[in-house]
Amino acid sequence: PEAQAGGIGRQLLAAAEDLAIAKKCRAVTMTVITQRHELIAWYERR
């Protein structure tokens, strides 16, 4: 919580996507609680 909004989440997401590409995956999938509108929007921007 003290380190949020500093790009760490974006860097972890990019590392996950790089791993998926290295594993020749079709897509990265996830589930998000429907009420988490701000989080859904964050993922949509990515």
All heavy atoms as atom14 arrays in JSON, in Angstrom:
{
  "sequence": "PEAQAGGIGRQLLAAAEDLAIAKKCRAVTMTVITQRHELIAWYERR",
  "atom14_mask": [
    [1, 1, 1, 1, 1, 1, 1, 0, 0, 0, 0, 0, 0, 0],
    [1, 1, 1, 1, 1, 1, 1, 1, 1, 0, 0, 0, 0, 0],
    [1, 1, 1, 1, 1, 0, 0, 0, 0, 0, 0, 0, 0, 0],
    [1, 1, 1, 1, 1, 1, 1, 1, 1, 0, 0, 0, 0, 0],
    [1, 1, 1, 1, 1, 0, 0, 0, 0, 0, 0, 0, 0, 0],
    [1, 1, 1, 1, 0, 0, 0, 0, 0, 0, 0, 0, 0, 0],
    [1, 1, 1, 1, 0, 0, 0, 0, 0, 0, 0, 0, 0, 0],
    [1, 1, 1, 1, 1, 1, 1, 1, 0, 0, 0, 0, 0, 0],
    [1, 1, 1, 1, 0, 0, 0, 0, 0, 0, 0, 0, 0, 0],
    [1, 1, 1, 1, 1, 1, 1, 1, 1, 1, 1, 0, 0, 0],
    [1, 1, 1, 1, 1, 1, 1, 1, 1, 0, 0, 0, 0, 0],
    [1, 1, 1, 1, 1, 1, 1, 1, 0, 0, 0, 0, 0, 0],
    [1, 1, 1, 1, 1, 1, 1, 1, 0, 0, 0, 0, 0, 0],
    [1, 1, 1, 1, 1, 0, 0, 0, 0, 0, 0, 0, 0, 0],
    [1, 1, 1, 1, 1, 0, 0, 0, 0, 0, 0, 0, 0, 0],
    [1, 1, 1, 1, 1, 0, 0, 0, 0, 0, 0, 0, 0, 0],
    [1, 1, 1, 1, 1, 1, 1, 1, 1, 0, 0, 0, 0, 0],
    [1, 1, 1, 1, 1, 1, 1, 1, 0, 0, 0, 0, 0, 0],
    [1, 1, 1, 1, 1, 1, 1, 1, 0, 0, 0, 0, 0, 0],
    [1, 1, 1, 1, 1, 0, 0, 0, 0, 0, 0, 0, 0, 0],
    [1, 1, 1, 1, 1, 1, 1, 1, 0, 0, 0, 0, 0, 0],
    [1, 1, 1, 1, 1, 0, 0, 0, 0, 0, 0, 0, 0, 0],
    [1, 1, 1, 1, 1, 1, 1, 1, 1, 0, 0, 0, 0, 0],
    [1, 1, 1, 1, 1, 1, 1, 1, 1, 0, 0, 0, 0, 0],
    [1, 1, 1, 1, 1, 1, 0, 0, 0, 0, 0, 0, 0, 0],
    [1, 1, 1, 1, 1, 1, 1, 1, 1, 1, 1, 0, 0, 0],
    [1, 1, 1, 1, 1, 0, 0, 0, 0, 0, 0, 0, 0, 0],
    [1, 1, 1, 1, 1, 1, 1, 0, 0, 0, 0, 0, 0, 0],
    [1, 1, 1, 1, 1, 1, 1, 0, 0, 0, 0, 0, 0, 0],
    [1, 1, 1, 1, 1, 1, 1, 1, 0, 0, 0, 0, 0, 0],
    [1, 1, 1, 1, 1, 1, 1, 0, 0, 0, 0, 0, 0, 0],
    [1, 1, 1, 1, 1, 1, 1, 0, 0, 0, 0, 0, 0, 0],
    [1, 1, 1, 1, 1, 1, 1, 1, 0, 0, 0, 0, 0, 0],
    [1, 1, 1, 1, 1, 1, 1, 0, 0, 0, 0, 0, 0, 0],
    [1, 1, 1, 1, 1, 1, 1, 1, 1, 0, 0, 0, 0, 0],
    [1, 1, 1, 1, 1, 1, 1, 1, 1, 1, 1, 0, 0, 0],
    [1, 1, 1, 1, 1, 1, 1, 1, 1, 1, 0, 0, 0, 0],
    [1, 1, 1, 1, 1, 1, 1, 1, 1, 0, 0, 0, 0, 0],
    [1, 1, 1, 1, 1, 1, 1, 1, 0, 0, 0, 0, 0, 0],
    [1, 1, 1, 1, 1, 1, 1, 1, 0, 0, 0, 0, 0, 0],
    [1, 1, 1, 1, 1, 0, 0, 0, 0, 0, 0, 0, 0, 0],
    [1, 1, 1, 1, 1, 1, 1, 1, 1, 1, 1, 1, 1, 1],
    [1, 1, 1, 1, 1, 1, 1, 1, 1, 1, 1, 1, 0, 0],
    [1, 1, 1, 1, 1, 1, 1, 1, 1, 0, 0, 0, 0, 0],
    [1, 1, 1, 1, 1, 1, 1, 1, 1, 1, 1, 0, 0, 0],
    [1, 1, 1, 1, 1, 1, 1, 1, 1, 1, 1, 0, 0, 0]
  ],
  "atom14_positions": [
    [[0.81, -1.23, 0.0], [0.0, 0.0, 0.0], [0.85, 1.28, 0.0], [0.48, 2.27, -0.64], [-0.85, -0.11, 1.27], [-0.96, -1.58, 1.5], [0.36, -2.16, 1.04], [0.0, 0.0, 0.0], [0.0, 0.0, 0.0], [0.0, 0.0, 0.0], [0.0, 0.0, 0.0], [0.0, 0.0, 0.0], [0.0, 0.0, 0.0], [0.0, 0.0, 0.0]],
    [[1.98, 1.26, 0.67], [2.84, 2.44, 0.73], [3.56, 2.72, -0.58], [4.07, 3.81, -0.8], [3.88, 2.31, 1.86], [3.31, 2.33, 3.26], [2.78, 0.97, 3.71], [3.03, -0.04, 3.03], [2.1, 0.93, 4.76], [0.0, 0.0, 0.0], [0.0, 0.0, 0.0], [0.0, 0.0, 0.0], [0.0, 0.0, 0.0], [0.0, 0.0, 0.0]],
    [[3.64, 1.72, -1.47], [4.39, 1.87, -2.72], [3.49, 1.91, -3.95], [3.99, 1.91, -5.07], [5.39, 0.71, -2.84], [0.0, 0.0, 0.0], [0.0, 0.0, 0.0], [0.0, 0.0, 0.0], [0.0, 0.0, 0.0], [0.0, 0.0, 0.0], [0.0, 0.0, 0.0], [0.0, 0.0, 0.0], [0.0, 0.0, 0.0], [0.0, 0.0, 0.0]],
    [[2.18, 1.96, -3.76], [1.26, 1.95, -4.9], [1.33, 3.26, -5.68], [1.73, 4.28, -5.15], [-0.17, 1.66, -4.43], [-0.32, 0.22, -3.99], [-1.73, -0.13, -3.55], [-2.67, 0.62, -3.76], [-1.85, -1.27, -2.9], [0.0, 0.0, 0.0], [0.0, 0.0, 0.0], [0.0, 0.0, 0.0], [0.0, 0.0, 0.0], [0.0, 0.0, 0.0]],
    [[0.95, 3.18, -6.94], [0.93, 4.3, -7.88], [2.34, 4.74, -8.28], [2.54, 5.85, -8.76], [0.13, 5.49, -7.34], [0.0, 0.0, 0.0], [0.0, 0.0, 0.0], [0.0, 0.0, 0.0], [0.0, 0.0, 0.0], [0.0, 0.0, 0.0], [0.0, 0.0, 0.0], [0.0, 0.0, 0.0], [0.0, 0.0, 0.0], [0.0, 0.0, 0.0]],
    [[3.31, 3.84, -8.12], [4.68, 4.15, -8.52], [5.18, 3.32, -9.67], [6.38, 3.33, -9.97], [0.0, 0.0, 0.0], [0.0, 0.0, 0.0], [0.0, 0.0, 0.0], [0.0, 0.0, 0.0], [0.0, 0.0, 0.0], [0.0, 0.0, 0.0], [0.0, 0.0, 0.0], [0.0, 0.0, 0.0], [0.0, 0.0, 0.0], [0.0, 0.0, 0.0]],
    [[4.31, 2.56, -10.32], [4.71, 1.78, -11.49], [5.06, 0.33, -11.22], [5.35, -0.41, -12.16], [0.0, 0.0, 0.0], [0.0, 0.0, 0.0], [0.0, 0.0, 0.0], [0.0, 0.0, 0.0], [0.0, 0.0, 0.0], [0.0, 0.0, 0.0], [0.0, 0.0, 0.0], [0.0, 0.0, 0.0], [0.0, 0.0, 0.0], [0.0, 0.0, 0.0]],
    [[5.06, -0.09, -9.97], [5.43, -1.47, -9.64], [4.43, -2.46, -10.24], [4.81, -3.48, -10.82], [5.56, -1.66, -8.12], [6.73, -0.82, -7.59], [5.72, -3.13, -7.76], [6.83, -0.75, -6.08], [0.0, 0.0, 0.0], [0.0, 0.0, 0.0], [0.0, 0.0, 0.0], [0.0, 0.0, 0.0], [0.0, 0.0, 0.0], [0.0, 0.0, 0.0]],
    [[3.14, -2.17, -10.14], [2.13, -3.06, -10.71], [2.29, -3.19, -12.22], [2.2, -4.29, -12.77], [0.0, 0.0, 0.0], [0.0, 0.0, 0.0], [0.0, 0.0, 0.0], [0.0, 0.0, 0.0], [0.0, 0.0, 0.0], [0.0, 0.0, 0.0], [0.0, 0.0, 0.0], [0.0, 0.0, 0.0], [0.0, 0.0, 0.0], [0.0, 0.0, 0.0]],
    [[2.56, -2.08, -12.89], [2.77, -2.11, -14.34], [3.99, -2.97, -14.69], [3.98, -3.7, -15.68], [2.97, -0.7, -14.9], [1.67, 0.07, -15.06], [1.86, 1.36, -15.83], [2.82, 2.28, -15.24], [2.55, 3.13, -14.25], [1.33, 3.19, -13.76], [3.48, 3.92, -13.77], [0.0, 0.0, 0.0], [0.0, 0.0, 0.0], [0.0, 0.0, 0.0]],
    [[5.05, -2.85, -13.89], [6.26, -3.63, -14.16], [6.02, -5.12, -13.94], [6.5, -5.95, -14.72], [7.42, -3.11, -13.3], [7.88, -1.75, -13.77], [8.84, -1.09, -12.8], [8.7, -1.18, -11.59], [9.83, -0.4, -13.35], [0.0, 0.0, 0.0], [0.0, 0.0, 0.0], [0.0, 0.0, 0.0], [0.0, 0.0, 0.0], [0.0, 0.0, 0.0]],
    [[5.28, -5.47, -12.9], [4.95, -6.88, -12.67], [4.04, -7.41, -13.78], [4.21, -8.55, -14.23], [4.29, -7.06, -11.3], [5.23, -7.05, -10.1], [4.46, -6.87, -8.8], [6.08, -8.32, -10.07], [0.0, 0.0, 0.0], [0.0, 0.0, 0.0], [0.0, 0.0, 0.0], [0.0, 0.0, 0.0], [0.0, 0.0, 0.0], [0.0, 0.0, 0.0]],
    [[3.1, -6.6, -14.23], [2.21, -7.01, -15.31], [3.02, -7.24, -16.59], [2.81, -8.23, -17.3], [1.14, -5.94, -15.52], [-0.03, -6.3, -16.42], [-0.83, -7.47, -15.87], [-0.95, -5.09, -16.59], [0.0, 0.0, 0.0], [0.0, 0.0, 0.0], [0.0, 0.0, 0.0], [0.0, 0.0, 0.0], [0.0, 0.0, 0.0], [0.0, 0.0, 0.0]],
    [[3.96, -6.35, -16.89], [4.81, -6.51, -18.07], [5.66, -7.78, -17.96], [5.82, -8.51, -18.95], [5.69, -5.28, -18.25], [0.0, 0.0, 0.0], [0.0, 0.0, 0.0], [0.0, 0.0, 0.0], [0.0, 0.0, 0.0], [0.0, 0.0, 0.0], [0.0, 0.0, 0.0], [0.0, 0.0, 0.0], [0.0, 0.0, 0.0], [0.0, 0.0, 0.0]],
    [[6.19, -8.06, -16.77], [6.99, -9.28, -16.58], [6.13, -10.52, -16.79], [6.57, -11.51, -17.38], [7.61, -9.29, -15.18], [0.0, 0.0, 0.0], [0.0, 0.0, 0.0], [0.0, 0.0, 0.0], [0.0, 0.0, 0.0], [0.0, 0.0, 0.0], [0.0, 0.0, 0.0], [0.0, 0.0, 0.0], [0.0, 0.0, 0.0], [0.0, 0.0, 0.0]],
    [[4.87, -10.47, -16.33], [3.96, -11.6, -16.53], [3.67, -11.8, -18.02], [3.67, -12.93, -18.52], [2.66, -11.35, -15.76], [0.0, 0.0, 0.0], [0.0, 0.0, 0.0], [0.0, 0.0, 0.0], [0.0, 0.0, 0.0], [0.0, 0.0, 0.0], [0.0, 0.0, 0.0], [0.0, 0.0, 0.0], [0.0, 0.0, 0.0], [0.0, 0.0, 0.0]],
    [[3.45, -10.71, -18.74], [3.18, -10.8, -20.17], [4.4, -11.32, -20.92], [4.28, -12.13, -21.84], [2.72, -9.45, -20.71], [1.35, -9.06, -20.19], [0.96, -7.62, -20.49], [1.73, -6.9, -21.15], [-0.13, -7.2, -20.04], [0.0, 0.0, 0.0], [0.0, 0.0, 0.0], [0.0, 0.0, 0.0], [0.0, 0.0, 0.0], [0.0, 0.0, 0.0]],
    [[5.6, -10.89, -20.52], [6.83, -11.39, -21.13], [6.96, -12.9, -20.91], [7.34, -13.64, -21.82], [8.06, -10.67, -20.57], [8.17, -9.22, -21.03], [7.47, -8.83, -22.0], [8.96, -8.49, -20.41], [0.0, 0.0, 0.0], [0.0, 0.0, 0.0], [0.0, 0.0, 0.0], [0.0, 0.0, 0.0], [0.0, 0.0, 0.0], [0.0, 0.0, 0.0]],
    [[6.63, -13.36, -19.72], [6.69, -14.79, -19.41], [5.68, -15.56, -20.28], [5.99, -16.63, -20.81], [6.42, -15.03, -17.93], [6.48, -16.49, -17.48], [7.9, -17.04, -17.59], [5.99, -16.62, -16.04], [0.0, 0.0, 0.0], [0.0, 0.0, 0.0], [0.0, 0.0, 0.0], [0.0, 0.0, 0.0], [0.0, 0.0, 0.0], [0.0, 0.0, 0.0]],
    [[4.47, -14.99, -20.42], [3.45, -15.64, -21.24], [3.92, -15.77, -22.69], [3.72, -16.81, -23.33], [2.15, -14.85, -21.17], [0.0, 0.0, 0.0], [0.0, 0.0, 0.0], [0.0, 0.0, 0.0], [0.0, 0.0, 0.0], [0.0, 0.0, 0.0], [0.0, 0.0, 0.0], [0.0, 0.0, 0.0], [0.0, 0.0, 0.0], [0.0, 0.0, 0.0]],
    [[4.57, -14.74, -23.2], [5.09, -14.78, -24.57], [6.18, -15.84, -24.68], [6.21, -16.64, -25.63], [5.58, -13.39, -25.0], [4.38, -12.44, -25.17], [6.41, -13.47, -26.29], [4.75, -10.97, -25.28], [0.0, 0.0, 0.0], [0.0, 0.0, 0.0], [0.0, 0.0, 0.0], [0.0, 0.0, 0.0], [0.0, 0.0, 0.0], [0.0, 0.0, 0.0]],
    [[7.07, -15.88, -23.68], [8.15, -16.88, -23.68], [7.6, -18.3, -23.64], [8.18, -19.23, -24.23], [9.09, -16.64, -22.5], [0.0, 0.0, 0.0], [0.0, 0.0, 0.0], [0.0, 0.0, 0.0], [0.0, 0.0, 0.0], [0.0, 0.0, 0.0], [0.0, 0.0, 0.0], [0.0, 0.0, 0.0], [0.0, 0.0, 0.0], [0.0, 0.0, 0.0]],
    [[6.45, -18.49, -22.98], [5.81, -19.81, -22.89], [4.88, -20.06, -24.08], [4.17, -21.05, -24.1], [5.04, -19.93, -21.57], [5.93, -20.0, -20.34], [5.06, -20.07, -19.09], [5.88, -20.34, -17.85], [6.18, -21.75, -17.69], [0.0, 0.0, 0.0], [0.0, 0.0, 0.0], [0.0, 0.0, 0.0], [0.0, 0.0, 0.0], [0.0, 0.0, 0.0]],
    [[4.87, -19.12, -25.04], [4.03, -19.23, -26.24], [2.54, -19.34, -25.91], [1.79, -20.07, -26.55], [4.49, -20.39, -27.11], [5.95, -20.23, -27.56], [6.36, -21.26, -28.56], [7.77, -21.17, -29.05], [8.6, -20.07, -28.75], [0.0, 0.0, 0.0], [0.0, 0.0, 0.0], [0.0, 0.0, 0.0], [0.0, 0.0, 0.0], [0.0, 0.0, 0.0]],
    [[2.11, -18.58, -24.91], [0.7, -18.57, -24.52], [-0.11, -17.73, -25.51], [0.41, -16.79, -26.13], [0.54, -18.0, -23.11], [1.22, -19.07, -21.84], [0.0, 0.0, 0.0], [0.0, 0.0, 0.0], [0.0, 0.0, 0.0], [0.0, 0.0, 0.0], [0.0, 0.0, 0.0], [0.0, 0.0, 0.0], [0.0, 0.0, 0.0], [0.0, 0.0, 0.0]],
    [[-1.38, -18.05, -25.63], [-2.32, -17.31, -26.49], [-2.68, -15.98, -25.87], [-2.84, -14.97, -26.55], [-3.59, -18.16, -26.67], [-4.69, -17.5, -27.48], [-6.01, -18.23, -27.33], [-6.55, -18.09, -25.99], [-7.29, -17.06, -25.56], [-7.59, -16.07, -26.37], [-7.74, -17.02, -24.32], [0.0, 0.0, 0.0], [0.0, 0.0, 0.0], [0.0, 0.0, 0.0]],
    [[-2.88, -15.99, -24.51], [-3.37, -14.8, -23.82], [-3.01, -14.87, -22.34], [-2.69, -15.94, -21.81], [-4.89, -14.7, -23.96], [0.0, 0.0, 0.0], [0.0, 0.0, 0.0], [0.0, 0.0, 0.0], [0.0, 0.0, 0.0], [0.0, 0.0, 0.0], [0.0, 0.0, 0.0], [0.0, 0.0, 0.0], [0.0, 0.0, 0.0], [0.0, 0.0, 0.0]],
    [[-3.09, -13.71, -21.7], [-3.05, -13.64, -20.24], [-4.49, -13.43, -19.81], [-5.19, -12.56, -20.33], [-2.16, -12.47, -19.75], [-2.23, -12.34, -18.23], [-0.72, -12.68, -20.2], [0.0, 0.0, 0.0], [0.0, 0.0, 0.0], [0.0, 0.0, 0.0], [0.0, 0.0, 0.0], [0.0, 0.0, 0.0], [0.0, 0.0, 0.0], [0.0, 0.0, 0.0]],
    [[-4.96, -14.25, -18.87], [-6.33, -14.17, -18.39], [-6.34, -13.87, -16.89], [-5.35, -14.11, -16.19], [-7.1, -15.48, -18.64], [-6.49, -16.53, -17.88], [-7.11, -15.84, -20.11], [0.0, 0.0, 0.0], [0.0, 0.0, 0.0], [0.0, 0.0, 0.0], [0.0, 0.0, 0.0], [0.0, 0.0, 0.0], [0.0, 0.0, 0.0], [0.0, 0.0, 0.0]],
    [[-7.45, -13.35, -16.42], [-7.59, -13.06, -14.99], [-9.07, -12.94, -14.65], [-9.92, -12.81, -15.54], [-6.89, -11.76, -14.63], [-7.54, -10.52, -15.24], [-6.69, -8.99, -14.85], [-5.25, -9.14, -15.86], [0.0, 0.0, 0.0], [0.0, 0.0, 0.0], [0.0, 0.0, 0.0], [0.0, 0.0, 0.0], [0.0, 0.0, 0.0], [0.0, 0.0, 0.0]],
    [[-9.35, -12.97, -13.36], [-10.69, -12.67, -12.87], [-10.59, -11.48, -11.94], [-9.62, -11.35, -11.18], [-11.32, -13.87, -12.12], [-10.45, -14.27, -11.04], [-11.55, -15.05, -13.05], [0.0, 0.0, 0.0], [0.0, 0.0, 0.0], [0.0, 0.0, 0.0], [0.0, 0.0, 0.0], [0.0, 0.0, 0.0], [0.0, 0.0, 0.0], [0.0, 0.0, 0.0]],
    [[-11.58, -10.57, -12.04], [-11.61, -9.36, -11.21], [-13.01, -9.23, -10.63], [-14.0, -9.43, -11.34], [-11.26, -8.1, -12.05], [-11.25, -6.85, -11.18], [-9.93, -8.27, -12.77], [0.0, 0.0, 0.0], [0.0, 0.0, 0.0], [0.0, 0.0, 0.0], [0.0, 0.0, 0.0], [0.0, 0.0, 0.0], [0.0, 0.0, 0.0], [0.0, 0.0, 0.0]],
    [[-13.08, -8.92, -9.35], [-14.39, -8.72, -8.7], [-15.14, -7.61, -9.45], [-14.58, -6.53, -9.69], [-14.22, -8.39, -7.21], [-13.61, -9.59, -6.47], [-15.55, -7.99, -6.57], [-13.24, -9.32, -5.02], [0.0, 0.0, 0.0], [0.0, 0.0, 0.0], [0.0, 0.0, 0.0], [0.0, 0.0, 0.0], [0.0, 0.0, 0.0], [0.0, 0.0, 0.0]],
    [[-16.39, -7.87, -9.81], [-17.15, -6.94, -10.65], [-17.27, -5.55, -10.05], [-17.34, -4.57, -10.79], [-18.57, -7.49, -10.93], [-19.22, -7.75, -9.69], [-18.52, -8.75, -11.77], [0.0, 0.0, 0.0], [0.0, 0.0, 0.0], [0.0, 0.0, 0.0], [0.0, 0.0, 0.0], [0.0, 0.0, 0.0], [0.0, 0.0, 0.0], [0.0, 0.0, 0.0]],
    [[-17.29, -5.44, -8.72], [-17.42, -4.12, -8.07], [-16.12, -3.31, -8.11], [-16.12, -2.14, -7.74], [-17.84, -4.31, -6.6], [-19.28, -4.72, -6.42], [-19.48, -6.23, -6.44], [-18.67, -6.99, -6.94], [-20.6, -6.68, -5.91], [0.0, 0.0, 0.0], [0.0, 0.0, 0.0], [0.0, 0.0, 0.0], [0.0, 0.0, 0.0], [0.0, 0.0, 0.0]],
    [[-15.02, -3.88, -8.56], [-13.73, -3.19, -8.56], [-13.55, -2.38, -9.84], [-12.65, -2.6, -10.63], [-12.59, -4.22, -8.41], [-12.65, -5.11, -7.19], [-12.26, -4.45, -5.9], [-11.08, -3.63, -5.99], [-9.83, -4.08, -5.91], [-9.58, -5.35, -5.71], [-8.82, -3.24, -5.99], [0.0, 0.0, 0.0], [0.0, 0.0, 0.0], [0.0, 0.0, 0.0]],
    [[-14.43, -1.4, -10.04], [-14.47, -0.62, -11.28], [-13.14, 0.06, -11.59], [-12.71, 0.08, -12.75], [-15.6, 0.41, -11.23], [-16.94, -0.2, -10.95], [-17.57, -1.01, -11.86], [-17.73, -0.18, -9.85], [-18.72, -1.44, -11.34], [-18.83, -0.95, -10.12], [0.0, 0.0, 0.0], [0.0, 0.0, 0.0], [0.0, 0.0, 0.0], [0.0, 0.0, 0.0]],
    [[-12.48, 0.63, -10.56], [-11.22, 1.33, -10.8], [-10.13, 0.36, -11.23], [-9.29, 0.68, -12.07], [-10.79, 2.14, -9.56], [-10.25, 1.31, -8.4], [-11.26, 0.42, -7.66], [-12.48, 0.64, -7.75], [-10.82, -0.51, -6.96], [0.0, 0.0, 0.0], [0.0, 0.0, 0.0], [0.0, 0.0, 0.0], [0.0, 0.0, 0.0], [0.0, 0.0, 0.0]],
    [[-10.16, -0.86, -10.71], [-9.17, -1.87, -11.08], [-9.44, -2.39, -12.49], [-8.51, -2.56, -13.29], [-9.17, -3.01, -10.07], [-8.09, -4.06, -10.23], [-6.7, -3.44, -10.19], [-8.24, -5.12, -9.14], [0.0, 0.0, 0.0], [0.0, 0.0, 0.0], [0.0, 0.0, 0.0], [0.0, 0.0, 0.0], [0.0, 0.0, 0.0], [0.0, 0.0, 0.0]],
    [[-10.69, -2.63, -12.81], [-11.06, -3.05, -14.17], [-10.59, -2.0, -15.17], [-9.99, -2.33, -16.21], [-12.58, -3.31, -14.25], [-12.94, -4.55, -13.42], [-13.03, -3.46, -15.71], [-14.43, -4.73, -13.17], [0.0, 0.0, 0.0], [0.0, 0.0, 0.0], [0.0, 0.0, 0.0], [0.0, 0.0, 0.0], [0.0, 0.0, 0.0], [0.0, 0.0, 0.0]],
    [[-10.82, -0.73, -14.87], [-10.39, 0.35, -15.77], [-8.87, 0.37, -15.91], [-8.34, 0.61, -17.01], [-10.9, 1.7, -15.25], [0.0, 0.0, 0.0], [0.0, 0.0, 0.0], [0.0, 0.0, 0.0], [0.0, 0.0, 0.0], [0.0, 0.0, 0.0], [0.0, 0.0, 0.0], [0.0, 0.0, 0.0], [0.0, 0.0, 0.0], [0.0, 0.0, 0.0]],
    [[-8.13, 0.1, -14.82], [-6.66, 0.06, -14.85], [-6.21, -1.03, -15.82], [-5.33, -0.8, -16.66], [-6.12, -0.18, -13.44], [-4.64, -0.08, -13.31], [-3.92, 1.06, -13.09], [-3.69, -1.15, -13.37], [-2.57, 0.76, -13.01], [-2.41, -0.59, -13.17], [-3.79, -2.53, -13.55], [-1.24, -1.35, -13.17], [-2.63, -3.29, -13.56], [-1.37, -2.7, -13.36]],
    [[-6.8, -2.21, -15.74], [-6.44, -3.3, -16.65], [-6.85, -2.97, -18.09], [-6.11, -3.28, -19.02], [-7.07, -4.62, -16.21], [-6.36, -5.27, -15.05], [-7.01, -5.49, -13.85], [-5.02, -5.67, -15.15], [-6.35, -6.08, -12.77], [-4.36, -6.26, -14.09], [-5.03, -6.46, -12.9], [-4.38, -7.05, -11.85], [0.0, 0.0, 0.0], [0.0, 0.0, 0.0]],
    [[-8.0, -2.35, -18.27], [-8.43, -1.99, -19.63], [-7.44, -1.02, -20.27], [-7.16, -1.13, -21.48], [-9.84, -1.38, -19.6], [-10.91, -2.41, -19.35], [-12.3, -1.82, -19.18], [-12.44, -0.61, -18.88], [-13.26, -2.59, -19.32], [0.0, 0.0, 0.0], [0.0, 0.0, 0.0], [0.0, 0.0, 0.0], [0.0, 0.0, 0.0], [0.0, 0.0, 0.0]],
    [[-6.89, -0.1, -19.49], [-5.9, 0.84, -20.02], [-4.62, 0.12, -20.45], [-3.82, 0.67, -21.21], [-5.57, 1.94, -19.0], [-6.7, 2.92, -18.8], [-6.29, 4.14, -18.01], [-5.8, 3.87, -16.68], [-6.55, 3.75, -15.58], [-7.87, 3.86, -15.67], [-6.01, 3.51, -14.4], [0.0, 0.0, 0.0], [0.0, 0.0, 0.0], [0.0, 0.0, 0.0]],
    [[-4.44, -1.1, -19.99], [-3.26, -1.89, -20.34], [-3.58, -2.99, -21.34], [-2.82, -3.93, -21.52], [-2.64, -2.46, -19.06], [-1.8, -1.39, -18.39], [-1.83, -1.39, -16.88], [-1.27, -0.13, -16.41], [-1.99, 0.97, -16.21], [-3.28, 0.99, -16.42], [-1.41, 2.08, -15.79], [0.0, 0.0, 0.0], [0.0, 0.0, 0.0], [0.0, 0.0, 0.0]]
  ]
}
